[in-house]
Amino acid sequence: MLILRLQRIGKKKNPTYRLIVSEKTKDTQAGTLENLGIYNPVVSPKVIQFNAERINYWISKGAQLSASVNNLLIQEGIIKGKKEKSVFLSKKRQESMGKKKAEAVSAKAEAEKKLAEEEAKKQAAEAEKAEAEKKLAEEEAVKQASQETAPVSETPVEAEKVEEAPVVEEKPAE
């Protein structure tokens, strides 16, 4: 059975890939039937140069696609269909990942709950403080109002008695 897949070429930590047609049971570095293009994911923008005509020819002859190649060809619009999941985990690994993920989610939920409680406490304290300030302001306003409109006492306040000096009449000078 033939398969279209990527063959890694390029330097260490700088991968470049060839799209090749080969036997499914053979290693990608073993003999290939045809080179169909180049894919370089490292540079920006990514370099994708595929020979669409030859890819369609091999697909028509019954060649299968690896998951990564399938996703790249769909992305480029050479073929139509759904993208495939290209990484598969064993059931045991999925379960352990599920437990770790569940623990992480629960820890995150607990942290968010604590933050929400702290926020609620802060808001309650601020509300109490605002209420106390409002009460104090009301009391102050009542005090000022009572001072301004203090009732006048009914008994008159005795005015201070001022002693008057005796009046001396002056005689005109002759």
C-alpha atoms as a PDB file:
ATOM      1  CA  MET A   1       0.000   0.000   0.000  1.00  0.00           C
ATOM      2  CA  LEU A   2       1.231   3.468  -0.910  1.00  0.00           C
ATOM      3  CA  ILE A   3       1.113   6.461   1.400  1.00  0.00           C
ATOM      4  CA  LEU A   4       1.768  10.166   1.013  1.00  0.00           C
ATOM      5  CA  ARG A   5       3.748  11.390   4.023  1.00  0.00           C
ATOM      6  CA  LEU A   6       6.380  13.842   5.143  1.00  0.00           C
ATOM      7  CA  GLN A   7      10.084  13.050   5.112  1.00  0.00           C
ATOM      8  CA  ARG A   8      12.177  15.148   7.475  1.00  0.00           C
ATOM      9  CA  ILE A   9      15.212  16.828   5.985  1.00  0.00           C
ATOM     10  CA  GLY A  10      17.203  19.854   7.055  1.00  0.00           C
ATOM     11  CA  LYS A  11      19.482  20.658   9.943  1.00  0.00           C
ATOM     12  CA  LYS A  12      19.181  19.951  13.633  1.00  0.00           C
ATOM     13  CA  LYS A  13      16.454  22.107  15.247  1.00  0.00           C
ATOM     14  CA  ASN A  14      15.603  23.500  11.811  1.00  0.00           C
ATOM     15  CA  PRO A  15      13.313  20.958  10.182  1.00  0.00           C
ATOM     16  CA  THR A  16      12.206  21.025   6.579  1.00  0.00           C
ATOM     17  CA  TYR A  17      10.006  18.347   5.089  1.00  0.00           C
ATOM     18  CA  ARG A  18       9.501  16.718   1.701  1.00  0.00           C
ATOM     19  CA  LEU A  19       6.134  15.343   0.682  1.00  0.00           C
ATOM     20  CA  ILE A  20       6.865  11.881  -0.684  1.00  0.00           C
ATOM     21  CA  VAL A  21       5.084   8.801  -1.985  1.00  0.00           C
ATOM     22  CA  SER A  22       6.418   5.551  -0.542  1.00  0.00           C
ATOM     23  CA  GLU A  23       5.425   2.104   0.641  1.00  0.00           C
ATOM     24  CA  LYS A  24       3.665   2.248   3.992  1.00  0.00           C
ATOM     25  CA  THR A  25       5.900  -0.407   5.523  1.00  0.00           C
ATOM     26  CA  LYS A  26       9.160   1.294   4.482  1.00  0.00           C
ATOM     27  CA  ASP A  27      11.015   3.931   6.459  1.00  0.00           C
ATOM     28  CA  THR A  28      10.696   7.485   5.152  1.00  0.00           C
ATOM     29  CA  GLN A  29      14.459   7.617   4.621  1.00  0.00           C
ATOM     30  CA  ALA A  30      14.357   4.462   2.476  1.00  0.00           C
ATOM     31  CA  GLY A  31      13.559   4.596  -1.234  1.00  0.00           C
ATOM     32  CA  THR A  32      10.732   6.854  -2.342  1.00  0.00           C
ATOM     33  CA  LEU A  33       8.661   6.619  -5.496  1.00  0.00           C
ATOM     34  CA  GLU A  34       8.244  10.366  -6.036  1.00  0.00           C
ATOM     35  CA  ASN A  35       8.918  13.733  -4.401  1.00  0.00           C
ATOM     36  CA  LEU A  36       5.715  15.827  -4.493  1.00  0.00           C
ATOM     37  CA  GLY A  37       6.738  19.035  -2.755  1.00  0.00           C
ATOM     38  CA  ILE A  38       8.355  20.884   0.141  1.00  0.00           C
ATOM     39  CA  TYR A  39       7.037  22.087   3.510  1.00  0.00           C
ATOM     40  CA  ASN A  40       9.035  24.420   5.785  1.00  0.00           C
ATOM     41  CA  PRO A  41       7.181  25.309   9.006  1.00  0.00           C
ATOM     42  CA  VAL A  42      10.084  27.234  10.564  1.00  0.00           C
ATOM     43  CA  VAL A  43      10.198  30.343   8.380  1.00  0.00           C
ATOM     44  CA  SER A  44       7.536  33.015   8.503  1.00  0.00           C
ATOM     45  CA  PRO A  45       5.358  32.769   6.441  1.00  0.00           C
ATOM     46  CA  LYS A  46       5.491  28.986   6.190  1.00  0.00           C
ATOM     47  CA  VAL A  47       6.713  27.621   2.868  1.00  0.00           C
ATOM     48  CA  ILE A  48       4.304  25.111   1.335  1.00  0.00           C
ATOM     49  CA  GLN A  49       5.031  24.094  -2.259  1.00  0.00           C
ATOM     50  CA  PHE A  50       3.075  21.054  -3.382  1.00  0.00           C
ATOM     51  CA  ASN A  51       2.478  19.643  -6.876  1.00  0.00           C
ATOM     52  CA  ALA A  52      -1.330  19.415  -6.728  1.00  0.00           C
ATOM     53  CA  GLU A  53      -1.630  17.633 -10.062  1.00  0.00           C
ATOM     54  CA  ARG A  54       0.658  14.765  -9.011  1.00  0.00           C
ATOM     55  CA  ILE A  55      -0.910  14.559  -5.526  1.00  0.00           C
ATOM     56  CA  ASN A  56      -4.364  14.078  -7.090  1.00  0.00           C
ATOM     57  CA  TYR A  57      -2.894  11.468  -9.463  1.00  0.00           C
ATOM     58  CA  TRP A  58      -1.497   9.379  -6.579  1.00  0.00           C
ATOM     59  CA  ILE A  59      -4.716   9.716  -4.580  1.00  0.00           C
ATOM     60  CA  SER A  60      -6.665   8.485  -7.636  1.00  0.00           C
ATOM     61  CA  LYS A  61      -4.342   5.457  -7.784  1.00  0.00           C
ATOM     62  CA  GLY A  62      -5.322   4.566  -4.193  1.00  0.00           C
ATOM     63  CA  ALA A  63      -2.495   6.096  -2.158  1.00  0.00           C
ATOM     64  CA  GLN A  64      -3.423   6.908   1.427  1.00  0.00           C
ATOM     65  CA  LEU A  65      -2.593  10.151   3.263  1.00  0.00           C
ATOM     66  CA  SER A  66      -0.928  10.481   6.636  1.00  0.00           C
ATOM     67  CA  ALA A  67      -2.905  12.605   9.103  1.00  0.00           C
ATOM     68  CA  SER A  68      -0.419  15.500   8.907  1.00  0.00           C
ATOM     69  CA  VAL A  69      -0.373  15.486   5.112  1.00  0.00           C
ATOM     70  CA  ASN A  70      -4.173  15.256   4.991  1.00  0.00           C
ATOM     71  CA  ASN A  71      -4.467  18.330   7.236  1.00  0.00           C
ATOM     72  CA  LEU A  72      -1.899  20.276   5.167  1.00  0.00           C
ATOM     73  CA  LEU A  73      -3.636  19.450   1.882  1.00  0.00           C
ATOM     74  CA  ILE A  74      -7.019  20.487   3.272  1.00  0.00           C
ATOM     75  CA  GLN A  75      -5.463  23.708   4.564  1.00  0.00           C
ATOM     76  CA  GLU A  76      -4.017  24.456   1.130  1.00  0.00           C
ATOM     77  CA  GLY A  77      -7.282  23.605  -0.621  1.00  0.00           C
ATOM     78  CA  ILE A  78      -5.836  20.789  -2.713  1.00  0.00           C
ATOM     79  CA  ILE A  79      -8.348  18.284  -1.350  1.00  0.00           C
ATOM     80  CA  LYS A  80     -11.622  18.658   0.532  1.00  0.00           C
ATOM     81  CA  GLY A  81     -12.733  16.907   3.676  1.00  0.00           C
ATOM     82  CA  LYS A  82     -12.343  16.961   7.426  1.00  0.00           C
ATOM     83  CA  LYS A  83      -9.059  17.396   9.226  1.00  0.00           C
ATOM     84  CA  GLU A  84      -7.841  14.352  11.117  1.00  0.00           C
ATOM     85  CA  LYS A  85      -6.455  14.109  14.596  1.00  0.00           C
ATOM     86  CA  SER A  86      -2.751  13.610  13.987  1.00  0.00           C
ATOM     87  CA  VAL A  87      -1.653  12.736  17.533  1.00  0.00           C
ATOM     88  CA  PHE A  88      -3.019   9.635  19.186  1.00  0.00           C
ATOM     89  CA  LEU A  89      -2.608   8.794  22.872  1.00  0.00           C
ATOM     90  CA  SER A  90      -3.060   5.378  24.410  1.00  0.00           C
ATOM     91  CA  LYS A  91      -6.116   4.879  26.610  1.00  0.00           C
ATOM     92  CA  LYS A  92      -3.917   4.676  29.697  1.00  0.00           C
ATOM     93  CA  ARG A  93      -2.228   7.958  28.800  1.00  0.00           C
ATOM     94  CA  GLN A  94      -5.589   9.584  28.061  1.00  0.00           C
ATOM     95  CA  GLU A  95      -6.885   8.489  31.479  1.00  0.00           C
ATOM     96  CA  SER A  96      -3.841   9.850  33.290  1.00  0.00           C
ATOM     97  CA  MET A  97      -4.088  13.083  31.298  1.00  0.00           C
ATOM     98  CA  GLY A  98      -7.770  13.201  32.144  1.00  0.00           C
ATOM     99  CA  LYS A  99      -7.034  12.869  35.868  1.00  0.00           C
ATOM    100  CA  LYS A 100      -4.357  15.567  35.716  1.00  0.00           C
ATOM    101  CA  LYS A 101      -6.636  17.826  33.741  1.00  0.00           C
ATOM    102  CA  ALA A 102      -9.511  17.219  36.149  1.00  0.00           C
ATOM    103  CA  GLU A 103      -7.221  18.021  39.106  1.00  0.00           C
ATOM    104  CA  ALA A 104      -6.023  21.182  37.394  1.00  0.00           C
ATOM    105  CA  VAL A 105      -9.581  22.247  36.618  1.00  0.00           C
ATOM    106  CA  SER A 106     -10.705  21.621  40.210  1.00  0.00           C
ATOM    107  CA  ALA A 107      -7.679  23.509  41.586  1.00  0.00           C
ATOM    108  CA  LYS A 108      -8.449  26.392  39.275  1.00  0.00           C
ATOM    109  CA  ALA A 109     -12.102  26.358  40.334  1.00  0.00           C
ATOM    110  CA  GLU A 110     -11.102  26.410  44.009  1.00  0.00           C
ATOM    111  CA  ALA A 111      -8.728  29.314  43.408  1.00  0.00           C
ATOM    112  CA  GLU A 112     -11.453  31.230  41.563  1.00  0.00           C
ATOM    113  CA  LYS A 113     -13.895  30.483  44.399  1.00  0.00           C
ATOM    114  CA  LYS A 114     -11.433  31.843  46.980  1.00  0.00           C
ATOM    115  CA  LEU A 115     -10.883  34.952  44.896  1.00  0.00           C
ATOM    116  CA  ALA A 116     -14.628  35.443  44.576  1.00  0.00           C
ATOM    117  CA  GLU A 117     -15.059  35.068  48.358  1.00  0.00           C
ATOM    118  CA  GLU A 118     -12.277  37.581  49.026  1.00  0.00           C
ATOM    119  CA  GLU A 119     -13.833  39.977  46.542  1.00  0.00           C
ATOM    120  CA  ALA A 120     -17.221  39.578  48.220  1.00  0.00           C
ATOM    121  CA  LYS A 121     -15.637  40.289  51.623  1.00  0.00           C
ATOM    122  CA  LYS A 122     -13.946  43.408  50.240  1.00  0.00           C
ATOM    123  CA  GLN A 123     -17.206  44.628  48.732  1.00  0.00           C
ATOM    124  CA  ALA A 124     -19.059  43.963  52.014  1.00  0.00           C
ATOM    125  CA  ALA A 125     -16.411  45.892  53.964  1.00  0.00           C
ATOM    126  CA  GLU A 126     -16.603  48.772  51.498  1.00  0.00           C
ATOM    127  CA  ALA A 127     -20.402  48.772  51.745  1.00  0.00           C
ATOM    128  CA  GLU A 128     -20.223  48.850  55.557  1.00  0.00           C
ATOM    129  CA  LYS A 129     -17.712  51.687  55.423  1.00  0.00           C
ATOM    130  CA  ALA A 130     -19.887  53.643  52.988  1.00  0.00           C
ATOM    131  CA  GLU A 131     -22.924  53.042  55.214  1.00  0.00           C
ATOM    132  CA  ALA A 132     -21.034  54.254  58.302  1.00  0.00           C
ATOM    133  CA  GLU A 133     -19.862  57.365  56.422  1.00  0.00           C
ATOM    134  CA  LYS A 134     -23.422  58.013  55.259  1.00  0.00           C
ATOM    135  CA  LYS A 135     -24.746  57.645  58.808  1.00  0.00           C
ATOM    136  CA  LEU A 136     -22.056  59.990  60.125  1.00  0.00           C
ATOM    137  CA  ALA A 137     -22.855  62.543  57.439  1.00  0.00           C
ATOM    138  CA  GLU A 138     -26.567  62.347  58.294  1.00  0.00           C
ATOM    139  CA  GLU A 139     -25.853  62.852  62.001  1.00  0.00           C
ATOM    140  CA  GLU A 140     -23.637  65.832  61.182  1.00  0.00           C
ATOM    141  CA  ALA A 141     -26.350  67.315  58.980  1.00  0.00           C
ATOM    142  CA  VAL A 142     -28.911  66.878  61.770  1.00  0.00           C
ATOM    143  CA  LYS A 143     -26.578  68.606  64.249  1.00  0.00           C
ATOM    144  CA  GLN A 144     -26.016  71.545  61.890  1.00  0.00           C
ATOM    145  CA  ALA A 145     -29.698  71.860  61.192  1.00  0.00           C
ATOM    146  CA  SER A 146     -30.515  71.885  64.897  1.00  0.00           C
ATOM    147  CA  GLN A 147     -27.922  74.581  65.555  1.00  0.00           C
ATOM    148  CA  GLU A 148     -29.140  76.813  62.742  1.00  0.00           C
ATOM    149  CA  THR A 149     -32.784  76.600  63.670  1.00  0.00           C
ATOM    150  CA  ALA A 150     -32.363  76.648  67.451  1.00  0.00           C
ATOM    151  CA  PRO A 151     -35.596  77.904  69.085  1.00  0.00           C
ATOM    152  CA  VAL A 152     -35.358  81.390  70.586  1.00  0.00           C
ATOM    153  CA  SER A 153     -35.932  81.295  74.337  1.00  0.00           C
ATOM    154  CA  GLU A 154     -39.145  82.936  75.521  1.00  0.00           C
ATOM    155  CA  THR A 155     -37.501  84.849  78.342  1.00  0.00           C
ATOM    156  CA  PRO A 156     -35.681  87.902  77.101  1.00  0.00           C
ATOM    157  CA  VAL A 157     -32.056  88.121  77.872  1.00  0.00           C
ATOM    158  CA  GLU A 158     -31.350  91.099  80.134  1.00  0.00           C
ATOM    159  CA  ALA A 159     -29.218  93.601  78.429  1.00  0.00           C
ATOM    160  CA  GLU A 160     -26.196  94.722  80.265  1.00  0.00           C
ATOM    161  CA  LYS A 161     -26.876  97.847  82.162  1.00  0.00           C
ATOM    162  CA  VAL A 162     -24.645 100.652  81.136  1.00  0.00           C
ATOM    163  CA  GLU A 163     -24.211 103.431  83.602  1.00  0.00           C
ATOM    164  CA  GLU A 164     -24.835 106.731  82.050  1.00  0.00           C
ATOM    165  CA  ALA A 165     -22.618 109.639  82.989  1.00  0.00           C
ATOM    166  CA  PRO A 166     -24.392 112.728  84.374  1.00  0.00           C
ATOM    167  CA  VAL A 167     -25.081 115.276  81.706  1.00  0.00           C
ATOM    168  CA  VAL A 168     -23.278 118.576  82.309  1.00  0.00           C
ATOM    169  CA  GLU A 169     -24.661 121.663  80.712  1.00  0.00           C
ATOM    170  CA  GLU A 170     -22.159 124.055  79.365  1.00  0.00           C
ATOM    171  CA  LYS A 171     -22.570 127.770  79.760  1.00  0.00           C
ATOM    172  CA  PRO A 172     -21.653 129.981  76.897  1.00  0.00           C
ATOM    173  CA  ALA A 173     -18.556 132.033  77.469  1.00  0.00           C
ATOM    174  CA  GLU A 174     -19.068 135.756  77.775  1.00  0.00           C
END
